Protein backbone atom coordinates (compact mmCIF):
# COMPACT_ATOMS: atom_id res chain seq x y z
CA MET A 1 0.00 0.00 0.00
CA SER A 2 1.58 3.25 -1.13
CA THR A 3 2.26 6.05 1.25
CA SER A 4 2.21 9.70 0.55
CA GLY A 5 5.63 10.37 1.96
CA PRO A 6 8.24 9.12 4.40
CA GLY A 7 7.07 11.54 7.05
CA SER A 8 3.33 10.89 6.75
CA GLU A 9 1.47 9.99 9.93
CA LEU A 10 0.14 6.74 8.52
CA SER A 11 3.54 5.62 7.26
CA GLN A 12 5.07 6.49 10.63
CA ALA A 13 2.42 4.42 12.39
CA LEU A 14 3.03 1.50 10.04
CA ALA A 15 6.81 1.85 10.48
CA GLY A 16 6.35 0.93 14.13
CA PHE A 17 5.00 -2.45 13.01
CA ARG A 18 8.23 -3.58 11.34
CA PRO A 19 9.07 -6.25 13.97
CA SER A 20 5.58 -7.70 13.57
CA LEU A 21 5.88 -7.58 9.78
CA LEU A 22 9.19 -9.42 9.97
CA ALA A 23 7.53 -12.03 12.17
CA LEU A 24 4.75 -12.36 9.59
CA ALA A 25 7.33 -12.88 6.87
CA LEU A 26 9.03 -15.56 8.96
CA PHE A 27 5.75 -17.37 9.63
CA SER A 28 4.88 -17.17 5.91
CA LEU A 29 8.28 -18.70 5.07
CA CYS A 30 7.68 -21.61 7.46
CA ILE A 31 4.09 -22.12 6.23
CA ASN A 32 5.08 -22.14 2.57
CA LEU A 33 7.97 -24.50 3.17
CA LEU A 34 5.70 -26.86 5.08
CA LEU A 35 3.14 -26.70 2.27
CA LEU A 36 5.66 -28.58 0.15
CA ALA A 37 4.84 -31.58 2.36
CA PRO A 38 1.72 -32.77 0.43
CA ALA A 39 3.70 -32.88 -2.82
CA ILE A 40 6.58 -34.75 -1.16
CA TYR A 41 4.08 -37.13 0.48
CA MET A 42 2.47 -37.97 -2.85
CA LEU A 43 5.91 -38.39 -4.43
CA GLN A 44 6.94 -40.87 -1.74
CA VAL A 45 3.65 -42.76 -1.80
CA TYR A 46 3.64 -43.27 -5.58
CA ASP A 47 7.35 -43.92 -6.03
CA ARG A 48 8.21 -45.87 -2.86
CA VAL A 49 5.22 -47.11 -0.90
CA ILE A 50 3.23 -48.47 -3.85
CA THR A 51 6.27 -50.07 -5.46
CA SER A 52 7.53 -51.57 -2.18
CA GLY A 53 4.14 -52.36 -0.63
CA SER A 54 5.46 -51.22 2.78
CA LEU A 55 2.54 -50.40 5.08
CA PRO A 56 4.80 -49.22 7.97
CA THR A 57 6.37 -46.68 5.62
CA LEU A 58 2.91 -45.49 4.54
CA LEU A 59 1.81 -45.22 8.17
CA MET A 60 4.90 -43.26 9.17
CA LEU A 61 4.61 -40.88 6.20
CA THR A 62 0.93 -40.31 6.97
CA VAL A 63 1.61 -39.57 10.67
CA VAL A 64 4.36 -37.11 9.72
CA LEU A 65 2.07 -35.42 7.17
CA LEU A 66 -0.74 -35.06 9.71
CA PHE A 67 1.68 -33.57 12.20
CA LEU A 68 2.88 -31.09 9.59
CA PHE A 69 -0.71 -30.20 8.75
CA LEU A 70 -1.35 -29.47 12.44
CA THR A 71 1.78 -27.32 12.50
CA ILE A 72 0.64 -25.43 9.40
CA GLY A 73 -2.76 -24.82 11.00
CA ALA A 74 -1.12 -23.52 14.18
CA LEU A 75 1.22 -21.24 12.24
CA GLU A 76 -1.64 -19.87 10.10
CA TRP A 77 -3.67 -19.21 13.26
CA VAL A 78 -0.75 -17.32 14.80
CA ARG A 79 -0.27 -15.37 11.56
CA ALA A 80 -3.96 -14.44 11.52
CA GLN A 81 -3.73 -13.30 15.15
CA ILE A 82 -0.72 -11.12 14.36
CA LEU A 83 -2.61 -9.47 11.48
CA LEU A 84 -5.66 -8.98 13.69
CA ARG A 85 -3.54 -7.30 16.37
CA LEU A 86 -1.78 -5.18 13.78
CA GLY A 87 -5.14 -3.81 12.70
CA LEU A 88 -6.13 -3.15 16.31
CA ARG A 89 -2.79 -1.47 17.04
CA LEU A 90 -3.15 0.75 13.97
CA GLU A 91 -6.59 1.88 15.08
CA LEU A 92 -5.53 2.39 18.69
CA ALA A 93 -2.47 4.36 17.55
CA LEU A 94 -4.50 6.75 15.40
CA ASP A 95 -8.04 6.76 16.78
CA ASP A 96 -7.54 9.87 18.94
CA ARG A 97 -5.96 11.75 16.06
CA VAL A 98 -8.52 10.59 13.50
CA PHE A 99 -11.40 11.39 15.87
CA ASP A 100 -9.96 14.91 16.16
CA VAL A 101 -9.82 15.12 12.35
CA ALA A 102 -13.43 13.98 12.00
CA PHE A 103 -14.51 16.46 14.67
CA ARG A 104 -12.71 19.38 13.06
CA GLU A 105 -14.08 18.49 9.62
CA ALA A 106 -17.57 18.69 11.13
CA LEU A 107 -16.64 21.87 13.01
CA TYR A 108 -15.37 23.71 9.96
CA SER A 109 -18.33 22.62 7.85
CA GLY A 110 -20.95 23.58 10.42
CA GLY A 111 -21.85 19.90 10.86
CA ARG A 112 -22.48 19.27 7.16
CA GLU A 113 -19.54 16.84 6.96
CA ALA A 114 -20.32 15.09 10.22
CA GLN A 115 -20.38 11.64 8.63
CA GLY A 116 -17.16 10.50 10.34
CA GLN A 117 -15.58 9.46 7.01
CA ALA A 118 -12.08 9.52 8.50
CA LEU A 119 -13.13 7.18 11.30
CA ALA A 120 -14.83 4.88 8.81
CA ASP A 121 -11.66 4.79 6.69
CA LEU A 122 -9.53 3.88 9.70
CA SER A 123 -11.97 1.14 10.64
CA GLY A 124 -11.90 -0.12 7.04
CA LEU A 125 -8.09 -0.37 7.11
CA ARG A 126 -8.27 -2.33 10.36
CA GLN A 127 -10.78 -4.75 8.84
CA TYR A 128 -8.63 -5.19 5.73
CA LEU A 129 -5.54 -6.03 7.81
CA ALA A 130 -7.55 -8.63 9.72
CA GLY A 131 -8.85 -10.22 6.48
CA PRO A 132 -7.36 -12.61 3.94
CA GLY A 133 -5.93 -9.89 1.66
CA PRO A 134 -2.58 -9.41 3.45
CA VAL A 135 -2.11 -13.19 3.65
CA ALA A 136 -1.94 -13.36 -0.15
CA LEU A 137 0.57 -10.49 -0.18
CA PHE A 138 2.83 -12.44 2.18
CA ASP A 139 2.46 -15.70 0.23
CA VAL A 140 3.07 -14.36 -3.29
CA PRO A 141 6.83 -13.69 -2.72
CA TRP A 142 7.36 -17.45 -2.17
CA LEU A 143 6.13 -18.22 -5.68
CA PRO A 144 9.74 -18.58 -6.99
CA VAL A 145 10.39 -21.29 -4.38
CA TYR A 146 7.59 -23.45 -5.79
CA LEU A 147 8.71 -22.77 -9.35
CA LEU A 148 12.25 -23.78 -8.44
CA VAL A 149 11.06 -27.06 -6.91
CA MET A 150 8.94 -27.72 -10.00
CA TYR A 151 11.98 -27.05 -12.18
CA LEU A 152 14.01 -29.53 -10.13
CA LEU A 153 11.30 -32.15 -10.69
CA HIS A 154 11.49 -31.49 -14.43
CA PRO A 155 12.38 -28.33 -16.43
CA LEU A 156 9.09 -28.52 -18.38
CA PHE A 157 7.14 -28.32 -15.11
CA GLY A 158 9.12 -25.24 -14.15
CA LEU A 159 8.52 -23.64 -17.56
CA VAL A 160 4.76 -24.26 -17.43
CA GLY A 161 4.62 -22.90 -13.89
CA LEU A 162 6.55 -19.78 -14.88
CA LEU A 163 4.33 -19.08 -17.89
CA SER A 164 1.17 -19.71 -15.86
CA ALA A 165 2.32 -17.36 -13.10
CA ALA A 166 3.14 -14.69 -15.71
CA VAL A 167 -0.34 -14.98 -17.25
CA LEU A 168 -2.04 -14.73 -13.84
CA MET A 169 0.14 -11.76 -12.89
CA GLY A 170 -0.89 -10.09 -16.13
CA LEU A 171 -4.55 -10.74 -15.30
CA ALA A 172 -3.98 -9.21 -11.86
CA LEU A 173 -2.48 -6.07 -13.38
CA LEU A 174 -5.30 -5.88 -15.92
CA ASN A 175 -7.81 -6.25 -13.10
CA ALA A 176 -6.17 -3.34 -11.30
CA ARG A 177 -6.27 -1.21 -14.43
CA VAL A 178 -9.89 -1.81 -15.44
CA SER A 179 -11.39 -1.76 -11.93
CA ARG A 180 -9.63 1.32 -10.52
CA GLN A 181 -11.93 3.96 -11.97
CA PRO A 182 -15.22 2.11 -11.22
CA MET A 183 -14.04 1.48 -7.65
CA GLU A 184 -13.19 5.15 -7.14
CA GLU A 185 -16.58 6.14 -8.59
CA LEU A 186 -18.24 3.60 -6.29
CA SER A 187 -16.45 5.00 -3.24
CA ASP A 188 -17.45 8.58 -4.09
CA ALA A 189 -21.04 7.61 -4.89
CA THR A 190 -21.36 5.67 -1.63
CA ALA A 191 -20.10 8.61 0.43
CA GLU A 192 -22.42 11.03 -1.40
CA SER A 193 -25.47 8.78 -1.00
CA ASN A 194 -24.80 8.16 2.71
CA ALA A 195 -24.31 11.87 3.36
CA PHE A 196 -27.54 12.73 1.53
CA VAL A 197 -29.53 10.19 3.55
CA ALA A 198 -28.03 11.34 6.86
CA ARG A 199 -28.79 15.00 6.13
CA ASN A 200 -32.40 14.30 5.22
CA LEU A 201 -33.06 11.93 8.10
CA ARG A 202 -32.23 14.80 10.44
CA ASN A 203 -35.07 16.74 8.80
CA ALA A 204 -37.59 13.88 8.89
CA GLU A 205 -40.30 15.98 10.59
CA VAL A 206 -40.14 18.64 7.88
CA VAL A 207 -40.17 16.02 5.14
CA GLU A 208 -43.18 14.23 6.61
CA SER A 209 -45.22 17.31 7.52
CA MET A 210 -44.92 18.95 4.10
CA GLY A 211 -45.22 15.81 1.99
CA MET A 212 -41.69 16.07 0.61
CA LEU A 213 -40.89 12.36 0.85
CA ALA A 214 -41.51 11.51 -2.82
CA ASP A 215 -39.28 14.35 -4.05
CA ILE A 216 -36.57 13.56 -1.50
CA ARG A 217 -36.74 9.89 -2.49
CA ARG A 218 -36.37 10.83 -6.17
CA HIS A 219 -33.23 12.87 -5.45
CA TRP A 220 -31.86 10.01 -3.33
CA GLN A 221 -32.61 7.47 -6.06
CA GLN A 222 -30.63 9.51 -8.58
CA ARG A 223 -27.60 9.26 -6.31
CA HIS A 224 -28.34 5.65 -5.41
CA PHE A 225 -28.69 4.58 -9.05
CA ARG A 226 -25.28 6.11 -9.70
CA LEU A 227 -23.96 4.03 -6.80
CA LEU A 228 -25.57 0.87 -8.16
CA GLY A 229 -24.18 1.54 -11.63
CA SER A 230 -20.67 2.02 -10.28
CA HIS A 231 -21.02 -1.12 -8.17
CA ALA A 232 -22.26 -3.13 -11.14
CA ARG A 233 -19.40 -1.97 -13.38
CA ALA A 234 -16.77 -2.67 -10.73
CA ALA A 235 -18.23 -6.05 -9.82
CA ALA A 236 -18.72 -7.11 -13.45
CA ARG A 237 -15.14 -6.35 -14.46
CA SER A 238 -13.62 -7.83 -11.34
CA SER A 239 -15.75 -10.99 -11.39
CA ALA A 240 -15.11 -11.51 -15.11
CA LEU A 241 -11.35 -11.41 -14.67
CA GLY A 242 -11.67 -13.51 -11.52
CA SER A 243 -13.57 -16.17 -13.44
CA VAL A 244 -10.99 -16.11 -16.22
CA SER A 245 -8.15 -16.54 -13.74
CA ARG A 246 -9.86 -19.45 -11.95
CA VAL A 247 -10.68 -21.24 -15.21
CA PHE A 248 -7.12 -20.69 -16.42
CA ARG A 249 -5.66 -22.04 -13.18
CA LEU A 250 -7.86 -25.17 -13.26
CA ALA A 251 -7.03 -25.73 -16.92
CA VAL A 252 -3.31 -25.35 -16.35
CA GLN A 253 -3.39 -27.80 -13.44
CA SER A 254 -5.10 -30.34 -15.68
CA MET A 255 -2.63 -29.64 -18.47
CA VAL A 256 0.24 -30.25 -16.08
CA LEU A 257 -1.26 -33.63 -15.26
CA GLY A 258 -1.42 -34.34 -19.00
CA LEU A 259 2.17 -33.16 -19.40
CA GLY A 260 3.20 -35.38 -16.51
CA ALA A 261 1.39 -38.35 -17.97
CA TRP A 262 3.24 -37.86 -21.27
CA LEU A 263 6.56 -37.64 -19.41
CA VAL A 264 5.69 -40.81 -17.50
CA ILE A 265 4.86 -42.61 -20.75
CA GLU A 266 8.17 -41.38 -22.16
CA GLN A 267 9.75 -42.67 -18.91
CA ARG A 268 11.30 -39.27 -18.19
CA VAL A 269 9.61 -38.93 -14.78
CA THR A 270 7.90 -41.21 -12.30
CA PRO A 271 4.14 -41.15 -11.50
CA GLY A 272 4.94 -39.54 -8.16
CA VAL A 273 6.64 -36.63 -9.91
CA MET A 274 3.58 -36.23 -12.13
CA ILE A 275 1.24 -35.87 -9.12
CA ALA A 276 3.68 -33.73 -7.16
CA GLY A 277 4.09 -31.31 -10.08
CA SER A 278 0.33 -30.76 -10.30
CA ILE A 279 0.04 -30.17 -6.55
CA LEU A 280 2.96 -27.73 -6.54
CA LEU A 281 1.52 -25.75 -9.45
CA GLY A 282 -1.83 -25.39 -7.70
CA ARG A 283 -0.10 -24.23 -4.54
CA ALA A 284 2.15 -21.79 -6.43
CA LEU A 285 -0.74 -20.12 -8.25
CA ALA A 286 -3.15 -20.03 -5.28
CA PRO A 287 -1.86 -16.70 -3.80
CA VAL A 288 -1.99 -15.02 -7.21
CA ASP A 289 -5.54 -16.23 -7.70
CA MET A 290 -6.39 -15.00 -4.22
CA LEU A 291 -4.97 -11.58 -5.08
CA ILE A 292 -7.21 -11.35 -8.13
CA GLY A 293 -10.27 -12.48 -6.17
CA GLY A 294 -9.59 -9.97 -3.39
CA TRP A 295 -8.61 -7.12 -5.66
CA ARG A 296 -11.74 -5.10 -4.85
CA GLN A 297 -10.87 -5.19 -1.15
CA TRP A 298 -7.32 -4.13 -1.97
CA VAL A 299 -8.48 -1.19 -4.10
CA GLN A 300 -10.96 -0.16 -1.43
CA ALA A 301 -8.26 -0.31 1.26
CA ARG A 302 -5.94 1.77 -0.92
CA LEU A 303 -8.66 4.40 -1.44
CA GLN A 304 -9.30 4.46 2.31
CA TYR A 305 -5.58 4.85 2.96
CA ARG A 306 -5.22 7.76 0.54
CA ARG A 307 -8.40 9.46 1.74
CA LEU A 308 -7.39 9.11 5.38
CA GLN A 309 -3.88 10.38 4.67
CA ALA A 310 -5.35 13.38 2.81
CA SER A 311 -7.53 14.18 5.82
CA LEU A 312 -4.57 13.92 8.18
CA GLU A 313 -2.51 16.25 5.97
CA ARG A 314 -5.39 18.70 5.47
CA ILE A 315 -6.01 18.99 9.21
CA PRO A 316 -2.65 18.91 11.03
CA PRO A 317 -2.52 17.94 14.69
CA ARG A 318 -3.11 20.63 17.26
CA ARG A 319 0.08 21.98 18.70
CA GLU A 320 0.56 21.72 22.43
CA ARG A 321 -0.02 25.10 23.99
CA MET A 322 1.55 26.59 27.09
CA SER A 323 -0.98 27.10 29.87
CA LEU A 324 -2.21 30.67 30.17
CA PRO A 325 -3.84 32.35 33.16
CA ALA A 326 -7.62 32.17 33.41
CA PRO A 327 -9.09 34.72 30.97
CA GLU A 328 -10.53 37.99 32.22
CA GLY A 329 -12.78 38.29 29.17
CA VAL A 330 -11.15 41.11 27.15
CA VAL A 331 -11.92 40.52 23.45
CA THR A 332 -10.04 42.43 20.76
CA ALA A 333 -10.39 42.28 16.98
CA GLU A 334 -7.55 43.68 14.88
CA ASN A 335 -8.49 44.07 11.21
CA VAL A 336 -10.23 40.68 11.26
CA SER A 337 -11.55 39.25 8.01
CA LEU A 338 -13.30 35.90 7.81
CA ALA A 339 -14.31 33.32 5.25
CA PRO A 340 -16.02 30.00 5.95
CA PRO A 341 -13.32 27.28 6.16
CA GLY A 342 -12.68 25.88 2.70
CA LYS A 343 -14.50 28.79 0.99
CA ARG A 344 -13.16 31.90 -0.70
CA PHE A 345 -15.92 34.46 -0.21
CA THR A 346 -15.49 36.83 2.73
CA VAL A 347 -18.29 37.10 5.28
CA VAL A 348 -16.62 39.57 7.69
CA ARG A 349 -14.31 42.38 6.54
CA ASN A 350 -11.78 44.43 8.51
CA ALA A 351 -13.47 44.18 11.91
CA ASN A 352 -11.89 46.30 14.65
CA PHE A 353 -13.27 46.55 18.18
CA ARG A 354 -12.46 45.98 21.84
CA ILE A 355 -14.79 44.48 24.43
CA ASP A 356 -13.57 45.03 27.97
CA ARG A 357 -14.08 42.78 30.95
CA GLY A 358 -17.62 43.02 32.27
CA ASP A 359 -19.02 44.60 29.10
CA ALA A 360 -22.40 43.38 27.89
CA VAL A 361 -22.54 43.79 24.11
CA ALA A 362 -25.37 43.03 21.72
CA ILE A 363 -24.42 42.32 18.11
CA ILE A 364 -27.29 43.38 15.88
CA GLY A 365 -27.91 43.71 12.18
CA PRO A 366 -29.95 42.21 9.35
CA SER A 367 -29.77 38.53 8.42
CA ALA A 368 -26.56 37.39 6.69
CA SER A 369 -24.66 40.42 7.92
CA GLY A 370 -21.90 38.28 9.49
CA LYS A 371 -22.96 38.25 13.15
CA THR A 372 -22.72 34.50 13.75
CA SER A 373 -19.50 34.29 11.73
CA LEU A 374 -17.95 36.98 13.90
CA VAL A 375 -18.94 35.07 17.03
CA ARG A 376 -17.32 31.92 15.65
CA ALA A 377 -14.08 33.85 15.25
CA ILE A 378 -14.35 35.24 18.80
CA LEU A 379 -14.68 31.68 20.12
CA GLY A 380 -11.85 30.38 17.92
CA ILE A 381 -14.16 28.05 15.99
CA TRP A 382 -13.25 29.63 12.65
CA PRO A 383 -9.73 30.83 11.87
CA THR A 384 -9.32 34.35 10.54
CA THR A 385 -8.26 34.83 6.93
CA SER A 386 -6.45 38.03 7.95
CA GLY A 387 -6.02 40.02 11.12
CA LYS A 388 -5.99 38.80 14.71
CA MET A 389 -8.78 37.89 17.11
CA ARG A 390 -7.44 38.12 20.65
CA LEU A 391 -8.62 37.10 24.10
CA ASP A 392 -6.80 38.89 26.92
CA GLY A 393 -4.16 39.96 24.39
CA ALA A 394 -3.38 36.40 23.21
CA GLU A 395 -4.59 35.17 19.84
CA VAL A 396 -7.60 33.01 20.56
CA PHE A 397 -6.07 30.05 18.69
CA SER A 398 -3.07 30.09 21.04
CA TRP A 399 -5.26 28.97 23.94
CA ASP A 400 -5.46 25.31 24.88
CA ARG A 401 -9.10 24.46 24.15
CA ALA A 402 -9.47 22.05 27.07
CA GLU A 403 -8.18 24.70 29.49
CA LEU A 404 -10.13 27.57 27.94
CA GLY A 405 -13.44 25.71 27.61
CA PRO A 406 -14.55 25.90 31.27
CA HIS A 407 -14.19 29.70 31.12
CA ILE A 408 -16.44 29.97 28.03
CA GLY A 409 -20.22 29.77 28.00
CA TYR A 410 -21.69 29.35 24.51
CA LEU A 411 -25.28 29.02 23.39
CA PRO A 412 -25.37 28.48 19.60
CA GLN A 413 -28.18 29.58 17.33
CA ASP A 414 -29.06 25.95 16.63
CA VAL A 415 -29.30 24.41 20.08
CA GLU A 416 -27.11 21.30 20.31
CA LEU A 417 -27.79 18.84 23.12
CA PHE A 418 -26.45 15.31 23.47
CA ALA A 419 -27.86 11.92 24.34
CA GLY A 420 -27.53 11.57 28.11
CA THR A 421 -29.10 12.84 31.30
CA VAL A 422 -30.18 16.39 32.00
CA SER A 423 -27.45 16.79 34.63
CA ALA A 424 -24.75 15.45 32.28
CA ASN A 425 -25.74 17.93 29.59
CA ILE A 426 -25.65 20.86 32.00
CA ALA A 427 -22.29 19.70 33.41
CA ARG A 428 -20.90 19.48 29.83
CA PHE A 429 -20.42 15.72 30.26
CA GLY A 430 -17.64 16.28 32.79
CA GLU A 431 -17.84 15.24 36.42
CA VAL A 432 -21.31 16.21 37.60
CA ASP A 433 -21.19 18.67 40.51
CA PRO A 434 -24.80 18.72 41.80
CA THR A 435 -24.38 22.09 43.49
CA ARG A 436 -23.11 23.81 40.35
CA VAL A 437 -25.62 22.00 38.13
CA VAL A 438 -28.57 23.21 40.22
CA ALA A 439 -27.06 26.72 40.47
CA ALA A 440 -26.80 26.95 36.68
CA ALA A 441 -30.33 25.59 36.25
CA ARG A 442 -31.70 28.13 38.73
CA LEU A 443 -29.87 30.97 37.00
CA ALA A 444 -31.40 29.86 33.69
CA SER A 445 -34.83 29.59 35.41
CA VAL A 446 -35.17 25.96 34.33
CA HIS A 447 -34.76 24.26 37.73
CA GLU A 448 -38.50 23.98 38.42
CA ALA A 449 -39.18 22.69 34.90
CA ILE A 450 -36.49 20.03 35.33
CA LEU A 451 -37.99 18.86 38.62
CA ARG A 452 -41.31 18.28 36.83
CA LEU A 453 -39.63 15.96 34.29
CA PRO A 454 -39.73 12.20 34.85
CA LEU A 455 -36.64 11.41 36.97
CA GLY A 456 -35.78 15.13 37.07
CA TYR A 457 -32.07 15.75 36.56
CA ASP A 458 -31.53 12.03 35.90
CA MET A 459 -33.89 11.93 32.92
CA GLU A 460 -32.41 10.72 29.62
CA ILE A 461 -33.20 13.43 27.05
CA GLY A 462 -32.51 11.34 23.92
CA ASP A 463 -30.50 12.28 20.83
CA ALA A 464 -30.34 16.06 20.40
CA GLY A 465 -32.74 16.46 23.34
CA SER A 466 -35.64 14.95 21.39
CA ALA A 467 -37.58 14.28 24.61
CA LEU A 468 -37.78 18.03 25.37
CA SER A 469 -39.67 20.92 23.85
CA ALA A 470 -37.83 23.62 21.90
CA GLY A 471 -38.11 26.05 24.81
CA GLN A 472 -36.86 23.46 27.31
CA ARG A 473 -33.91 22.64 25.06
CA GLN A 474 -32.97 26.31 24.80
CA ARG A 475 -33.19 26.86 28.56
CA LEU A 476 -31.21 23.70 29.21
CA ALA A 477 -28.54 24.86 26.74
CA LEU A 478 -28.49 28.22 28.53
CA ALA A 479 -27.92 26.43 31.84
CA ARG A 480 -25.03 24.54 30.23
CA ALA A 481 -23.55 27.84 29.03
CA LEU A 482 -23.86 29.29 32.55
CA TYR A 483 -22.42 26.19 34.27
CA GLY A 484 -19.29 26.92 36.27
CA SER A 485 -19.65 30.75 36.11
CA PRO A 486 -17.70 31.27 32.83
CA GLN A 487 -15.91 34.56 32.33
CA LEU A 488 -16.92 34.94 28.66
CA LEU A 489 -20.57 34.31 27.81
CA VAL A 490 -21.55 34.19 24.11
CA LEU A 491 -25.23 33.71 23.25
CA ASP A 492 -26.49 33.48 19.67
CA GLU A 493 -30.26 34.13 19.49
CA PRO A 494 -30.79 32.86 23.06
CA ASN A 495 -34.46 33.92 23.09
CA SER A 496 -35.56 32.52 19.72
CA ASN A 497 -37.68 29.76 21.33
CA LEU A 498 -38.59 31.50 24.60
CA ASP A 499 -41.96 32.87 25.63
CA ASP A 500 -42.33 36.18 27.49
CA GLU A 501 -41.67 34.56 30.85
CA GLY A 502 -38.58 32.80 29.53
CA GLU A 503 -37.30 36.01 27.97
CA ARG A 504 -37.68 37.87 31.27
CA ALA A 505 -35.78 35.07 33.01
CA LEU A 506 -33.03 35.32 30.37
CA ILE A 507 -32.66 39.08 30.91
CA THR A 508 -32.49 38.53 34.66
CA ALA A 509 -29.77 35.89 34.20
CA LEU A 510 -27.73 38.19 31.94
CA GLN A 511 -28.00 41.05 34.42
CA ALA A 512 -26.80 38.74 37.21
CA GLU A 513 -23.84 37.61 35.11
CA LYS A 514 -23.02 41.22 34.29
CA GLN A 515 -22.96 42.14 37.98
CA ARG A 516 -20.63 39.20 38.56
CA GLY A 517 -18.18 40.74 36.09
CA ALA A 518 -18.60 38.33 33.18
CA THR A 519 -18.13 39.58 29.62
CA ILE A 520 -21.34 39.02 27.67
CA ILE A 521 -21.83 38.96 23.90
CA VAL A 522 -25.38 38.46 22.63
CA ILE A 523 -26.81 38.17 19.12
CA SER A 524 -30.51 38.85 18.91
CA HIS A 525 -33.17 40.21 16.57
CA ARG A 526 -35.47 41.08 19.48
CA ASN A 527 -35.18 44.52 20.99
CA THR A 528 -36.18 43.28 24.46
CA ILE A 529 -32.70 41.82 24.95
CA LEU A 530 -31.23 45.32 24.75
CA ALA A 531 -32.33 45.89 28.34
CA ALA A 532 -29.52 43.57 29.49
CA VAL A 533 -26.65 45.18 27.53
CA ASP A 534 -24.77 48.44 27.71
CA LYS A 535 -23.06 48.42 24.29
CA LEU A 536 -24.16 47.75 20.73
CA LEU A 537 -22.18 46.46 17.76
CA VAL A 538 -24.04 46.96 14.50
CA MET A 539 -23.13 44.92 11.39
CA ARG A 540 -24.23 45.22 7.79
CA GLU A 541 -22.99 43.17 4.83
CA GLY A 542 -20.01 41.80 6.79
CA ALA A 543 -18.79 45.16 8.07
CA ILE A 544 -19.10 46.86 11.46
CA VAL A 545 -20.98 50.09 10.88
CA ALA A 546 -21.33 51.20 14.50
CA TYR A 547 -19.98 50.24 17.92
CA GLY A 548 -20.19 51.96 21.26
CA PRO A 549 -22.46 52.69 24.24
CA LYS A 550 -26.03 51.63 23.62
CA ALA A 551 -27.58 55.08 23.90
CA GLU A 552 -25.08 56.66 21.51
CA VAL A 553 -25.43 53.91 18.88
CA LEU A 554 -29.23 53.99 19.05
CA GLN A 555 -29.16 57.78 18.71
CA ARG A 556 -26.88 57.56 15.65
CA MET A 557 -29.03 54.86 14.10
CA GLU A 558 -32.17 56.94 14.61
CA ALA A 559 -30.48 60.02 13.16
CA GLY A 560 -29.34 58.01 10.16
CA ARG A 561 -32.85 56.65 9.66
CA LYS A 562 -34.39 60.12 9.74
CA GLN A 563 -31.75 61.44 7.35
CA ALA A 564 -32.46 58.61 4.93
CA GLN A 565 -36.16 59.36 5.08
CA ALA A 566 -35.54 63.06 4.46
CA GLN A 567 -33.39 62.29 1.42
CA ARG A 568 -35.98 59.91 -0.03
CA PRO A 569 -37.70 61.64 -3.01
CA ALA A 570 -41.33 62.59 -2.48
CA VAL A 571 -43.85 60.55 -4.44
CA ALA A 572 -45.68 62.68 -7.00
CA PRO A 573 -49.48 62.65 -6.58
CA GLY A 574 -51.22 60.47 -9.08
CA PRO A 575 -54.10 61.49 -11.32
CA GLY A 576 -57.33 62.19 -9.51
CA THR A 577 -55.67 62.94 -6.14
CA ALA A 578 -56.34 66.18 -4.35
């Protein structure tokens, strides 16, 4: 399996398996040498036992052969166990890193790429290593040994074996050539179809309520038919060449028997040599035939290897960061411009501002003005394309995320809860501190509602909080954001699913956090939230058009609105108007 470079992470992981690979090669040597035993047994039986009529010799040869068969079985079992453990070691060596890659792919895509393809590729490589494919790779190098023994029996046997091996090798290369493109198309079509299904299953309620199932199914079938077509082409070509190789191998083995019979008639070889030559040829060609039969698995494993290596190179490992003091909550933007990861269009341009400790700032503006994107940069979710986003003077990406996380409270626009108990969700799936969990729930005004739930704080909320209402999910997510008294609180549309009572409770919670000295950043389209902030940051079309104390910004916005109205041309009266 090719690697992308001597310093690649996958090649480095595989390099650590060299002692095990050497052991596999040694076991394969012993197994292939012992597999000469059936041919030698038949040679001795035909040429010595039958001619001499010695039953003790036959018994002894049979006992030795059975013992060798048991030894071969034991060695093959050990070889299979080594391959199984190699696959497990590969996954254990990389699973943390690959999980981080899969997470960051989902993070940078806003969850759109949350299919865990990198994890699936790593699991596929483990399964391939534990399968029969690598066994054939370790057995093929011993093909010359069998050909040499056949040549020693008679040069014509060696010549037939050599030509047969060359033909099968050619078929293997042809199989690789004709099946590569269909297999790549199949892999891409499978990933696209699975992603489409996963995305639409998340929206099952919308699909069902608005009768969209037939149209969604039609779009899925278009992708699925492409998958089936790719699968059919790959399977047809591979199976055709596999059938040709098997028929050729069976025919050659029979032809070798015919050749041996002719040599026996010509008294050039003995009957034992005739039988032994046929057995050796079958054994010599078996690994090559196995390679052709398992070529699809090999191609799939190679695609998984390349795709996984590309993901590892695209998303390098996080560097270890020096611990920094607990943040005070001072946020500074220095000429920050942003683009969604992997995209080229800019969503925030040249943002400059400073939010001091204890400030409560509302980010307002029309839809698609860049508010949520700016918040993602403040939290270090999205990297800046230019400029610096700083927290307490340090670039936000220089903070260790595990150390910074407890000091951040974040409520996203799309509430994200996790399968587990209410208390585990509030405690961010760390060690549950009942005192702090209840304190956060009380601050979010959700404590009484939780107590009314079956099992209260110990209730399982299901995937994405499916057992809760939209308002309960938003309040629970607010309690999670408030858990542990974070110094920086970032809330994106925190009142979108709240009623009047819930909104009043939210404002009360924000005022309490402000008195505590926390830095608060809120995105909202409702003016009621302005009662809890003292500064406004106004965005339009990716640019900051106003920032400062709330009263001053509101006064400037009102003055600008009146000026725009005054400059608007008067509408001429139409016919028939007084």
